[in-house]
Amino acid sequence: MPGTPMERDSNMLGKLQSERTQDEPKCESVVREITQTDRLNKKLLVSVLERMKKSDGQFDKFMEDGRGSCESYDDSEF
């Protein structure tokens, strides 16, 4: 059957897509600039990780004792 709705729609879609790709400018990828905040955050993170490595397991002992829990009596006022 010539001129069925499916054939007509697929042809129209192909035409629209080809027209759209010719008119639209090609988008270039956006490059994110590294800010001073990014540099400071990296330095802080490296510093914390180095301290955790040098702590000889003190942090793990602190957490196991339960002193590192969020349920502190001092925070109850807030």
N, C-alpha and C. Protein backbone atom coordinates (compact mmCIF):
# COMPACT_ATOMS: atom_id res chain seq x y z
N MET A 1 0.84 -1.18 0.00
CA MET A 1 0.00 0.00 0.00
C MET A 1 0.88 1.24 0.00
N PRO A 2 0.84 1.97 -1.04
CA PRO A 2 1.63 3.20 -1.07
C PRO A 2 1.02 4.27 -0.19
N GLY A 3 1.88 5.02 0.44
CA GLY A 3 1.43 6.14 1.25
C GLY A 3 0.85 5.76 2.59
N THR A 4 1.32 4.67 3.17
CA THR A 4 0.82 4.31 4.50
C THR A 4 1.35 5.33 5.50
N PRO A 5 0.63 5.52 6.60
CA PRO A 5 1.05 6.52 7.60
C PRO A 5 2.44 6.26 8.17
N MET A 6 2.82 4.99 8.32
CA MET A 6 4.14 4.68 8.89
C MET A 6 5.26 5.15 7.97
N GLU A 7 5.12 4.92 6.67
CA GLU A 7 6.15 5.34 5.74
C GLU A 7 6.26 6.86 5.68
N ARG A 8 5.13 7.50 5.67
CA ARG A 8 5.11 8.95 5.59
C ARG A 8 5.77 9.57 6.83
N ASP A 9 5.45 9.02 8.01
CA ASP A 9 6.03 9.54 9.25
C ASP A 9 7.54 9.33 9.30
N SER A 10 8.01 8.18 8.85
CA SER A 10 9.45 7.92 8.91
C SER A 10 10.19 8.82 7.94
N ASN A 11 9.61 9.09 6.78
CA ASN A 11 10.24 9.99 5.82
C ASN A 11 10.29 11.41 6.37
N MET A 12 9.21 11.83 7.00
CA MET A 12 9.14 13.18 7.57
C MET A 12 10.16 13.33 8.70
N LEU A 13 10.28 12.29 9.52
CA LEU A 13 11.24 12.33 10.63
C LEU A 13 12.67 12.45 10.09
N GLY A 14 12.99 11.70 9.05
CA GLY A 14 14.32 11.78 8.46
C GLY A 14 14.61 13.16 7.91
N LYS A 15 13.63 13.77 7.28
CA LYS A 15 13.81 15.12 6.73
C LYS A 15 14.04 16.14 7.85
N LEU A 16 13.23 16.03 8.91
CA LEU A 16 13.38 16.96 10.03
C LEU A 16 14.75 16.82 10.70
N GLN A 17 15.20 15.59 10.87
CA GLN A 17 16.50 15.38 11.50
C GLN A 17 17.63 15.93 10.64
N SER A 18 17.55 15.74 9.33
CA SER A 18 18.61 16.24 8.46
C SER A 18 18.62 17.76 8.42
N GLU A 19 17.44 18.39 8.44
CA GLU A 19 17.37 19.85 8.47
C GLU A 19 17.92 20.40 9.77
N ARG A 20 17.59 19.75 10.86
CA ARG A 20 17.99 20.22 12.18
C ARG A 20 19.51 20.11 12.35
N THR A 21 20.11 19.06 11.87
CA THR A 21 21.56 18.90 12.06
C THR A 21 22.34 19.90 11.23
N GLN A 22 21.81 20.34 10.11
CA GLN A 22 22.51 21.31 9.28
C GLN A 22 22.45 22.70 9.89
N ASP A 23 21.32 23.05 10.50
CA ASP A 23 21.13 24.39 11.03
C ASP A 23 21.81 24.61 12.38
N GLU A 24 21.87 23.57 13.21
CA GLU A 24 22.40 23.72 14.56
C GLU A 24 23.93 23.76 14.54
N PRO A 25 24.51 24.69 15.28
CA PRO A 25 25.97 24.72 15.38
C PRO A 25 26.45 23.54 16.23
N LYS A 26 27.64 23.09 15.96
CA LYS A 26 28.19 21.98 16.73
C LYS A 26 28.65 22.49 18.09
N CYS A 27 28.24 21.80 19.13
CA CYS A 27 28.60 22.19 20.50
C CYS A 27 29.97 21.62 20.85
N GLU A 28 30.80 22.46 21.39
CA GLU A 28 32.10 22.00 21.86
C GLU A 28 31.98 21.64 23.33
N SER A 29 32.79 20.71 23.77
CA SER A 29 32.73 20.30 25.17
C SER A 29 33.21 21.45 26.06
N VAL A 30 32.55 21.60 27.18
CA VAL A 30 32.87 22.67 28.12
C VAL A 30 34.00 22.19 29.02
N VAL A 31 35.02 23.00 29.14
CA VAL A 31 36.15 22.67 30.00
C VAL A 31 35.99 23.44 31.30
N ARG A 32 36.00 22.71 32.41
CA ARG A 32 35.82 23.33 33.72
C ARG A 32 37.15 23.88 34.20
N GLU A 33 37.13 25.13 34.63
CA GLU A 33 38.34 25.78 35.11
C GLU A 33 38.57 25.40 36.57
N ILE A 34 39.80 25.07 36.91
CA ILE A 34 40.14 24.73 38.30
C ILE A 34 40.30 26.03 39.08
N THR A 35 39.54 26.16 40.15
CA THR A 35 39.54 27.39 40.94
C THR A 35 40.47 27.26 42.14
N GLN A 36 40.65 28.36 42.83
CA GLN A 36 41.48 28.36 44.04
C GLN A 36 40.84 27.48 45.11
N THR A 37 39.53 27.46 45.17
CA THR A 37 38.82 26.61 46.13
C THR A 37 39.12 25.14 45.86
N ASP A 38 39.14 24.76 44.59
CA ASP A 38 39.46 23.38 44.24
C ASP A 38 40.86 23.01 44.71
N ARG A 39 41.80 23.92 44.52
CA ARG A 39 43.19 23.65 44.95
C ARG A 39 43.28 23.52 46.47
N LEU A 40 42.60 24.40 47.18
CA LEU A 40 42.62 24.34 48.65
C LEU A 40 41.96 23.06 49.16
N ASN A 41 40.84 22.68 48.55
CA ASN A 41 40.17 21.44 48.95
C ASN A 41 41.07 20.23 48.74
N LYS A 42 41.80 20.21 47.65
CA LYS A 42 42.70 19.10 47.38
C LYS A 42 43.81 19.04 48.43
N LYS A 43 44.38 20.20 48.77
CA LYS A 43 45.44 20.24 49.78
C LYS A 43 44.92 19.77 51.14
N LEU A 44 43.72 20.21 51.49
CA LEU A 44 43.14 19.79 52.77
C LEU A 44 42.87 18.29 52.79
N LEU A 45 42.37 17.76 51.71
CA LEU A 45 42.10 16.33 51.64
C LEU A 45 43.38 15.52 51.74
N VAL A 46 44.41 15.93 51.03
CA VAL A 46 45.70 15.24 51.10
C VAL A 46 46.25 15.29 52.52
N SER A 47 46.12 16.44 53.17
CA SER A 47 46.62 16.60 54.53
C SER A 47 45.88 15.68 55.50
N VAL A 48 44.57 15.61 55.37
CA VAL A 48 43.78 14.75 56.26
C VAL A 48 44.14 13.29 56.04
N LEU A 49 44.28 12.88 54.80
CA LEU A 49 44.62 11.48 54.52
C LEU A 49 46.00 11.13 55.05
N GLU A 50 46.96 12.04 54.94
CA GLU A 50 48.30 11.80 55.47
C GLU A 50 48.26 11.67 56.99
N ARG A 51 47.49 12.53 57.64
CA ARG A 51 47.39 12.45 59.11
C ARG A 51 46.74 11.15 59.55
N MET A 52 45.74 10.70 58.79
CA MET A 52 45.08 9.44 59.14
C MET A 52 46.05 8.27 59.00
N LYS A 53 46.91 8.31 58.00
CA LYS A 53 47.90 7.24 57.81
C LYS A 53 48.94 7.25 58.93
N LYS A 54 49.33 8.43 59.39
CA LYS A 54 50.37 8.57 60.42
C LYS A 54 49.83 8.35 61.83
N SER A 55 48.54 8.26 62.00
CA SER A 55 47.96 8.23 63.34
C SER A 55 48.15 6.90 64.05
N ASP A 56 48.70 5.90 63.40
CA ASP A 56 48.98 4.60 64.02
C ASP A 56 47.73 3.96 64.60
N GLY A 57 46.61 4.11 63.96
CA GLY A 57 45.39 3.45 64.40
C GLY A 57 44.65 4.16 65.52
N GLN A 58 45.07 5.34 65.91
CA GLN A 58 44.38 6.07 66.98
C GLN A 58 42.95 6.42 66.57
N PHE A 59 42.77 6.73 65.31
CA PHE A 59 41.42 7.08 64.84
C PHE A 59 40.50 5.87 64.95
N ASP A 60 41.01 4.68 64.59
CA ASP A 60 40.20 3.47 64.68
C ASP A 60 39.84 3.17 66.14
N LYS A 61 40.78 3.35 67.05
CA LYS A 61 40.50 3.12 68.47
C LYS A 61 39.46 4.11 68.97
N PHE A 62 39.57 5.34 68.53
CA PHE A 62 38.61 6.38 68.92
C PHE A 62 37.20 6.00 68.48
N MET A 63 37.07 5.51 67.27
CA MET A 63 35.76 5.15 66.75
C MET A 63 35.21 3.89 67.43
N GLU A 64 36.09 2.94 67.76
CA GLU A 64 35.65 1.71 68.42
C GLU A 64 35.19 1.97 69.84
N ASP A 65 35.79 2.93 70.52
CA ASP A 65 35.41 3.25 71.90
C ASP A 65 34.05 3.91 71.97
N GLY A 66 33.54 4.39 70.88
CA GLY A 66 32.24 5.06 70.89
C GLY A 66 32.34 6.54 71.13
N ARG A 67 33.54 7.05 71.26
CA ARG A 67 33.69 8.49 71.48
C ARG A 67 33.43 9.27 70.20
N GLY A 68 33.44 8.60 69.07
CA GLY A 68 33.25 9.28 67.80
C GLY A 68 31.81 9.31 67.34
N SER A 69 30.89 8.92 68.21
CA SER A 69 29.48 8.91 67.80
C SER A 69 28.93 10.32 67.75
N CYS A 70 27.88 10.49 67.00
CA CYS A 70 27.27 11.81 66.82
C CYS A 70 26.40 12.20 68.00
N GLU A 71 26.11 11.27 68.88
CA GLU A 71 25.22 11.54 70.00
C GLU A 71 26.01 12.06 71.19
N SER A 72 26.56 13.20 71.05
CA SER A 72 27.35 13.81 72.10
C SER A 72 26.44 14.63 73.01
N TYR A 73 26.76 14.66 74.29
CA TYR A 73 25.95 15.43 75.23
C TYR A 73 26.10 16.93 75.00
N ASP A 74 27.24 17.34 74.50
CA ASP A 74 27.46 18.77 74.25
C ASP A 74 26.59 19.29 73.12
N ASP A 75 26.25 18.44 72.18
CA ASP A 75 25.46 18.86 71.03
C ASP A 75 23.95 18.86 71.32
N SER A 76 23.55 18.41 72.48
CA SER A 76 22.12 18.29 72.77
C SER A 76 21.43 19.65 72.88
N GLU A 77 22.18 20.70 73.16
CA GLU A 77 21.59 22.03 73.28
C GLU A 77 21.20 22.61 71.94
N PHE A 78 21.81 22.13 70.89
CA PHE A 78 21.55 22.69 69.57
C PHE A 78 20.48 21.94 68.94
